[in-house]
Amino acid sequence: MRAIVHLDLDCFYAQVEQRRLGLGEPPWTSKDSIPLAVAQWDHLLAINYAARAHGVKRGMSATEARELCPGIHIPHVATISTAPAAAPCPSDALDSAGERESGLEMPPDKNTSKACLKR
């Protein structure tokens, strides 16, 4: 007997980031939770259920996502870099208005940084 299993790891990753950043309370699977999408460079990589309920999809730009869901939080994935000025996530996080959170550095430069899931 064979079985095909589909795991929604994109949403799981978004929920892990939501918990790590302290955005909202459990259950993070609720469509009533804070909308969040994780960005990698110029596009969204992982979207939680609350953001999906507003029509946000994987591969969209952050600008498109904010048009559909004005209150969305969009942190950038963690990066590693050889450039001295690069900063790891969460210093790349944007607040719900799309503004850089106070005291945070600029987002990583994709010419000198690589995405990294190791923390």
N, C-alpha and C. Protein backbone atom coordinates (compact mmCIF):
# COMPACT_ATOMS: atom_id res chain seq x y z
N MET A 1 0.84 -1.18 0.00
CA MET A 1 0.00 0.00 0.00
C MET A 1 0.89 1.25 0.00
N ARG A 2 0.52 2.23 -0.80
CA ARG A 2 1.27 3.48 -0.88
C ARG A 2 0.40 4.61 -0.33
N ALA A 3 1.05 5.58 0.25
CA ALA A 3 0.33 6.74 0.77
C ALA A 3 1.05 8.01 0.32
N ILE A 4 0.27 8.98 -0.03
CA ILE A 4 0.81 10.29 -0.39
C ILE A 4 0.43 11.25 0.73
N VAL A 5 1.44 11.91 1.27
CA VAL A 5 1.21 12.83 2.38
C VAL A 5 1.58 14.23 1.93
N HIS A 6 0.70 15.17 2.16
CA HIS A 6 0.98 16.57 1.83
C HIS A 6 1.04 17.35 3.15
N LEU A 7 2.16 17.99 3.40
CA LEU A 7 2.33 18.80 4.60
C LEU A 7 2.43 20.26 4.19
N ASP A 8 1.67 21.12 4.83
CA ASP A 8 1.69 22.54 4.53
C ASP A 8 2.82 23.18 5.34
N LEU A 9 4.06 22.99 4.91
CA LEU A 9 5.20 23.50 5.66
C LEU A 9 5.39 25.00 5.47
N ASP A 10 4.88 25.57 4.39
CA ASP A 10 4.96 27.02 4.22
C ASP A 10 4.21 27.71 5.36
N CYS A 11 3.01 27.26 5.63
CA CYS A 11 2.23 27.86 6.71
C CYS A 11 2.88 27.55 8.05
N PHE A 12 3.42 26.36 8.20
CA PHE A 12 4.10 26.01 9.44
C PHE A 12 5.27 26.95 9.69
N TYR A 13 6.08 27.22 8.67
CA TYR A 13 7.22 28.12 8.80
C TYR A 13 6.75 29.52 9.19
N ALA A 14 5.67 29.99 8.59
CA ALA A 14 5.12 31.31 8.94
C ALA A 14 4.68 31.33 10.40
N GLN A 15 4.09 30.24 10.85
CA GLN A 15 3.64 30.17 12.25
C GLN A 15 4.83 30.12 13.21
N VAL A 16 5.90 29.45 12.83
CA VAL A 16 7.11 29.42 13.66
C VAL A 16 7.67 30.84 13.79
N GLU A 17 7.74 31.56 12.67
CA GLU A 17 8.23 32.94 12.71
C GLU A 17 7.30 33.83 13.54
N GLN A 18 6.00 33.62 13.42
CA GLN A 18 5.03 34.40 14.19
C GLN A 18 5.25 34.17 15.69
N ARG A 19 5.47 32.93 16.07
CA ARG A 19 5.72 32.63 17.48
C ARG A 19 7.05 33.21 17.93
N ARG A 20 8.10 33.06 17.09
CA ARG A 20 9.43 33.56 17.43
C ARG A 20 9.43 35.07 17.63
N LEU A 21 8.66 35.77 16.82
CA LEU A 21 8.59 37.24 16.91
C LEU A 21 7.60 37.71 17.97
N GLY A 22 6.87 36.77 18.57
CA GLY A 22 5.92 37.13 19.62
C GLY A 22 4.71 37.88 19.11
N LEU A 23 4.25 37.53 17.92
CA LEU A 23 3.09 38.19 17.32
C LEU A 23 1.82 37.40 17.60
N GLY A 24 1.05 37.83 18.55
CA GLY A 24 -0.21 37.18 18.86
C GLY A 24 -0.06 36.04 19.83
N GLU A 25 -1.18 35.39 20.06
CA GLU A 25 -1.27 34.27 21.01
C GLU A 25 -1.74 33.03 20.27
N PRO A 26 -1.45 31.84 20.82
CA PRO A 26 -1.95 30.62 20.20
C PRO A 26 -3.48 30.62 20.18
N PRO A 27 -4.12 29.96 19.27
CA PRO A 27 -3.52 29.14 18.23
C PRO A 27 -3.11 29.99 17.03
N TRP A 28 -1.88 29.78 16.54
CA TRP A 28 -1.40 30.54 15.39
C TRP A 28 -2.02 30.02 14.10
N THR A 29 -2.74 28.91 14.17
CA THR A 29 -3.41 28.37 12.99
C THR A 29 -4.76 29.06 12.75
N SER A 30 -5.21 29.87 13.68
CA SER A 30 -6.51 30.53 13.56
C SER A 30 -6.48 31.60 12.48
N LYS A 31 -7.57 31.67 11.72
CA LYS A 31 -7.69 32.73 10.71
C LYS A 31 -7.89 34.10 11.36
N ASP A 32 -8.13 34.11 12.69
CA ASP A 32 -8.27 35.36 13.43
C ASP A 32 -6.94 35.84 14.00
N SER A 33 -5.85 35.09 13.79
CA SER A 33 -4.55 35.50 14.31
C SER A 33 -3.99 36.65 13.46
N ILE A 34 -2.86 37.18 13.85
CA ILE A 34 -2.24 38.30 13.14
C ILE A 34 -1.73 37.82 11.78
N PRO A 35 -2.09 38.50 10.68
CA PRO A 35 -1.62 38.09 9.36
C PRO A 35 -0.10 38.27 9.25
N LEU A 36 0.59 37.24 8.73
CA LEU A 36 2.04 37.27 8.60
C LEU A 36 2.45 36.52 7.34
N ALA A 37 3.42 37.09 6.64
CA ALA A 37 4.03 36.42 5.49
C ALA A 37 5.54 36.63 5.59
N VAL A 38 6.30 35.58 5.40
CA VAL A 38 7.75 35.67 5.46
C VAL A 38 8.26 35.95 4.05
N ALA A 39 9.11 36.98 3.93
CA ALA A 39 9.66 37.36 2.63
C ALA A 39 11.07 36.83 2.46
N GLN A 40 11.40 36.53 1.22
CA GLN A 40 12.78 36.25 0.84
C GLN A 40 13.06 37.11 -0.37
N TRP A 41 13.93 38.09 -0.18
CA TRP A 41 14.26 39.12 -1.16
C TRP A 41 13.00 39.91 -1.51
N ASP A 42 12.49 39.78 -2.73
CA ASP A 42 11.37 40.63 -3.14
C ASP A 42 10.01 39.91 -3.13
N HIS A 43 9.98 38.65 -2.74
CA HIS A 43 8.73 37.89 -2.81
C HIS A 43 8.43 37.16 -1.52
N LEU A 44 7.16 36.83 -1.36
CA LEU A 44 6.73 36.12 -0.16
C LEU A 44 7.00 34.63 -0.29
N LEU A 45 7.51 34.06 0.78
CA LEU A 45 7.92 32.67 0.79
C LEU A 45 6.95 31.79 1.56
N ALA A 46 6.43 32.30 2.67
CA ALA A 46 5.53 31.52 3.53
C ALA A 46 4.45 32.43 4.08
N ILE A 47 3.21 31.97 4.05
CA ILE A 47 2.06 32.80 4.45
C ILE A 47 1.25 32.03 5.48
N ASN A 48 0.84 32.70 6.56
CA ASN A 48 0.01 32.01 7.55
C ASN A 48 -1.46 32.04 7.09
N TYR A 49 -2.30 31.29 7.81
CA TYR A 49 -3.70 31.16 7.41
C TYR A 49 -4.45 32.48 7.47
N ALA A 50 -4.13 33.34 8.43
CA ALA A 50 -4.81 34.63 8.55
C ALA A 50 -4.55 35.49 7.31
N ALA A 51 -3.32 35.48 6.80
CA ALA A 51 -3.01 36.26 5.59
C ALA A 51 -3.63 35.61 4.36
N ARG A 52 -3.65 34.28 4.32
CA ARG A 52 -4.28 33.58 3.19
C ARG A 52 -5.76 33.92 3.08
N ALA A 53 -6.40 34.12 4.22
CA ALA A 53 -7.83 34.46 4.23
C ALA A 53 -8.08 35.80 3.54
N HIS A 54 -7.06 36.65 3.45
CA HIS A 54 -7.18 37.95 2.77
C HIS A 54 -6.76 37.86 1.30
N GLY A 55 -6.38 36.67 0.84
CA GLY A 55 -6.00 36.48 -0.55
C GLY A 55 -4.51 36.57 -0.81
N VAL A 56 -3.69 36.65 0.23
CA VAL A 56 -2.24 36.71 0.06
C VAL A 56 -1.75 35.32 -0.34
N LYS A 57 -0.87 35.27 -1.35
CA LYS A 57 -0.37 33.99 -1.87
C LYS A 57 1.14 33.98 -1.95
N ARG A 58 1.69 32.79 -1.94
CA ARG A 58 3.14 32.59 -2.07
C ARG A 58 3.60 33.14 -3.43
N GLY A 59 4.74 33.83 -3.42
CA GLY A 59 5.30 34.39 -4.65
C GLY A 59 4.89 35.83 -4.92
N MET A 60 3.90 36.32 -4.20
CA MET A 60 3.48 37.72 -4.36
C MET A 60 4.58 38.66 -3.85
N SER A 61 4.54 39.89 -4.31
CA SER A 61 5.44 40.90 -3.75
C SER A 61 4.83 41.41 -2.45
N ALA A 62 5.66 41.99 -1.60
CA ALA A 62 5.18 42.54 -0.33
C ALA A 62 4.18 43.67 -0.60
N THR A 63 4.39 44.42 -1.66
CA THR A 63 3.47 45.52 -2.00
C THR A 63 2.08 44.99 -2.32
N GLU A 64 2.02 43.93 -3.12
CA GLU A 64 0.72 43.32 -3.45
C GLU A 64 0.04 42.80 -2.19
N ALA A 65 0.82 42.17 -1.31
CA ALA A 65 0.26 41.61 -0.08
C ALA A 65 -0.31 42.72 0.81
N ARG A 66 0.37 43.85 0.89
CA ARG A 66 -0.12 44.96 1.72
C ARG A 66 -1.39 45.59 1.14
N GLU A 67 -1.56 45.53 -0.17
CA GLU A 67 -2.79 46.03 -0.78
C GLU A 67 -3.97 45.14 -0.39
N LEU A 68 -3.75 43.84 -0.36
CA LEU A 68 -4.81 42.89 0.01
C LEU A 68 -5.05 42.84 1.52
N CYS A 69 -3.98 43.03 2.29
CA CYS A 69 -4.05 42.86 3.74
C CYS A 69 -3.19 43.95 4.41
N PRO A 70 -3.77 45.14 4.62
CA PRO A 70 -3.00 46.27 5.15
C PRO A 70 -2.30 46.02 6.50
N GLY A 71 -2.80 45.14 7.34
CA GLY A 71 -2.21 44.91 8.65
C GLY A 71 -1.19 43.78 8.69
N ILE A 72 -0.74 43.30 7.54
CA ILE A 72 0.16 42.15 7.49
C ILE A 72 1.56 42.49 8.02
N HIS A 73 2.18 41.54 8.71
CA HIS A 73 3.56 41.67 9.15
C HIS A 73 4.41 40.86 8.18
N ILE A 74 5.54 41.45 7.71
CA ILE A 74 6.38 40.79 6.72
C ILE A 74 7.84 40.80 7.15
N PRO A 75 8.26 39.82 7.97
CA PRO A 75 9.69 39.72 8.29
C PRO A 75 10.43 39.05 7.14
N HIS A 76 11.73 39.31 7.02
CA HIS A 76 12.58 38.68 6.00
C HIS A 76 13.20 37.43 6.61
N VAL A 77 13.43 36.40 5.79
CA VAL A 77 14.07 35.18 6.29
C VAL A 77 15.46 35.53 6.81
N ALA A 78 15.97 34.71 7.71
CA ALA A 78 17.32 34.91 8.23
C ALA A 78 18.33 34.77 7.09
N THR A 79 19.39 35.54 7.15
CA THR A 79 20.41 35.48 6.11
C THR A 79 21.80 35.39 6.73
N ILE A 80 22.74 34.91 5.93
CA ILE A 80 24.15 34.96 6.30
C ILE A 80 24.84 35.79 5.24
N SER A 81 25.92 36.47 5.60
CA SER A 81 26.54 37.37 4.66
C SER A 81 28.02 37.53 4.95
N THR A 82 28.75 37.86 3.91
CA THR A 82 30.16 38.21 4.08
C THR A 82 30.32 39.71 4.28
N ALA A 83 29.26 40.46 4.01
CA ALA A 83 29.32 41.92 4.18
C ALA A 83 29.20 42.27 5.65
N PRO A 84 30.05 43.17 6.19
CA PRO A 84 30.00 43.49 7.61
C PRO A 84 28.74 44.20 8.05
N ALA A 85 28.04 44.90 7.16
CA ALA A 85 26.86 45.67 7.56
C ALA A 85 25.58 44.84 7.56
N ALA A 86 25.65 43.60 7.07
CA ALA A 86 24.43 42.79 6.99
C ALA A 86 23.97 42.39 8.38
N ALA A 87 22.67 42.33 8.56
CA ALA A 87 22.11 41.98 9.86
C ALA A 87 21.15 40.81 9.69
N PRO A 88 21.16 39.84 10.60
CA PRO A 88 20.24 38.71 10.50
C PRO A 88 18.83 39.10 10.90
N CYS A 89 17.89 38.28 10.52
CA CYS A 89 16.51 38.46 10.95
C CYS A 89 16.50 38.34 12.47
N PRO A 90 15.73 39.03 13.27
CA PRO A 90 14.58 39.82 12.90
C PRO A 90 14.84 41.27 12.61
N SER A 91 16.11 41.69 12.46
CA SER A 91 16.36 43.10 12.22
C SER A 91 15.88 43.55 10.85
N ASP A 92 15.43 42.60 10.04
CA ASP A 92 14.90 42.93 8.72
C ASP A 92 13.38 43.05 8.74
N ALA A 93 12.78 42.96 9.91
CA ALA A 93 11.33 42.94 10.01
C ALA A 93 10.71 44.29 9.67
N LEU A 94 9.55 44.23 9.06
CA LEU A 94 8.77 45.42 8.77
C LEU A 94 7.55 45.39 9.66
N ASP A 95 7.10 46.55 10.10
CA ASP A 95 5.88 46.56 10.90
C ASP A 95 4.67 46.47 9.99
N SER A 96 3.48 46.50 10.55
CA SER A 96 2.27 46.29 9.76
C SER A 96 2.03 47.40 8.74
N ALA A 97 2.65 48.55 8.93
CA ALA A 97 2.50 49.65 7.96
C ALA A 97 3.56 49.57 6.88
N GLY A 98 4.42 48.56 6.95
CA GLY A 98 5.46 48.41 5.95
C GLY A 98 6.69 49.25 6.23
N GLU A 99 6.76 49.82 7.42
CA GLU A 99 7.90 50.65 7.79
C GLU A 99 8.91 49.80 8.54
N ARG A 100 10.16 50.17 8.44
CA ARG A 100 11.21 49.48 9.18
C ARG A 100 10.96 49.70 10.66
N GLU A 101 10.99 48.63 11.44
CA GLU A 101 10.76 48.77 12.88
C GLU A 101 11.88 49.62 13.47
N SER A 102 11.54 50.43 14.45
CA SER A 102 12.50 51.37 15.01
C SER A 102 13.74 50.67 15.53
N GLY A 103 14.90 51.27 15.23
CA GLY A 103 16.17 50.75 15.70
C GLY A 103 16.70 49.57 14.91
N LEU A 104 16.05 49.22 13.82
CA LEU A 104 16.50 48.06 13.06
C LEU A 104 17.31 48.49 11.86
N GLU A 105 18.22 47.60 11.44
CA GLU A 105 19.08 47.90 10.31
C GLU A 105 18.38 47.64 8.99
N MET A 106 19.06 47.98 7.90
CA MET A 106 18.51 47.79 6.56
C MET A 106 18.42 46.30 6.23
N PRO A 107 17.54 45.93 5.27
CA PRO A 107 17.41 44.52 4.89
C PRO A 107 18.70 44.02 4.23
N PRO A 108 18.87 42.71 4.15
CA PRO A 108 20.10 42.17 3.57
C PRO A 108 20.21 42.47 2.08
N ASP A 109 21.44 42.55 1.61
CA ASP A 109 21.73 42.76 0.19
C ASP A 109 21.82 41.39 -0.47
N LYS A 110 20.96 41.11 -1.44
CA LYS A 110 20.95 39.78 -2.02
C LYS A 110 22.18 39.48 -2.88
N ASN A 111 22.99 40.49 -3.15
CA ASN A 111 24.24 40.25 -3.88
C ASN A 111 25.34 39.72 -2.96
N THR A 112 25.23 39.98 -1.66
CA THR A 112 26.26 39.54 -0.73
C THR A 112 25.73 38.61 0.36
N SER A 113 24.44 38.35 0.38
CA SER A 113 23.83 37.53 1.44
C SER A 113 23.18 36.29 0.85
N LYS A 114 23.06 35.28 1.64
CA LYS A 114 22.34 34.06 1.26
C LYS A 114 21.32 33.76 2.35
N ALA A 115 20.18 33.21 1.94
CA ALA A 115 19.16 32.83 2.91
C ALA A 115 19.68 31.69 3.76
N CYS A 116 19.34 31.70 5.03
CA CYS A 116 19.84 30.69 5.95
C CYS A 116 18.74 30.35 6.96
N LEU A 117 18.44 29.08 7.12
CA LEU A 117 17.45 28.66 8.09
C LEU A 117 18.09 28.27 9.42
N LYS A 118 19.43 28.25 9.46
CA LYS A 118 20.12 27.91 10.70
C LYS A 118 20.14 29.12 11.63
N ARG A 119 19.83 28.94 12.89
CA ARG A 119 19.85 30.04 13.86
C ARG A 119 20.85 29.72 14.93
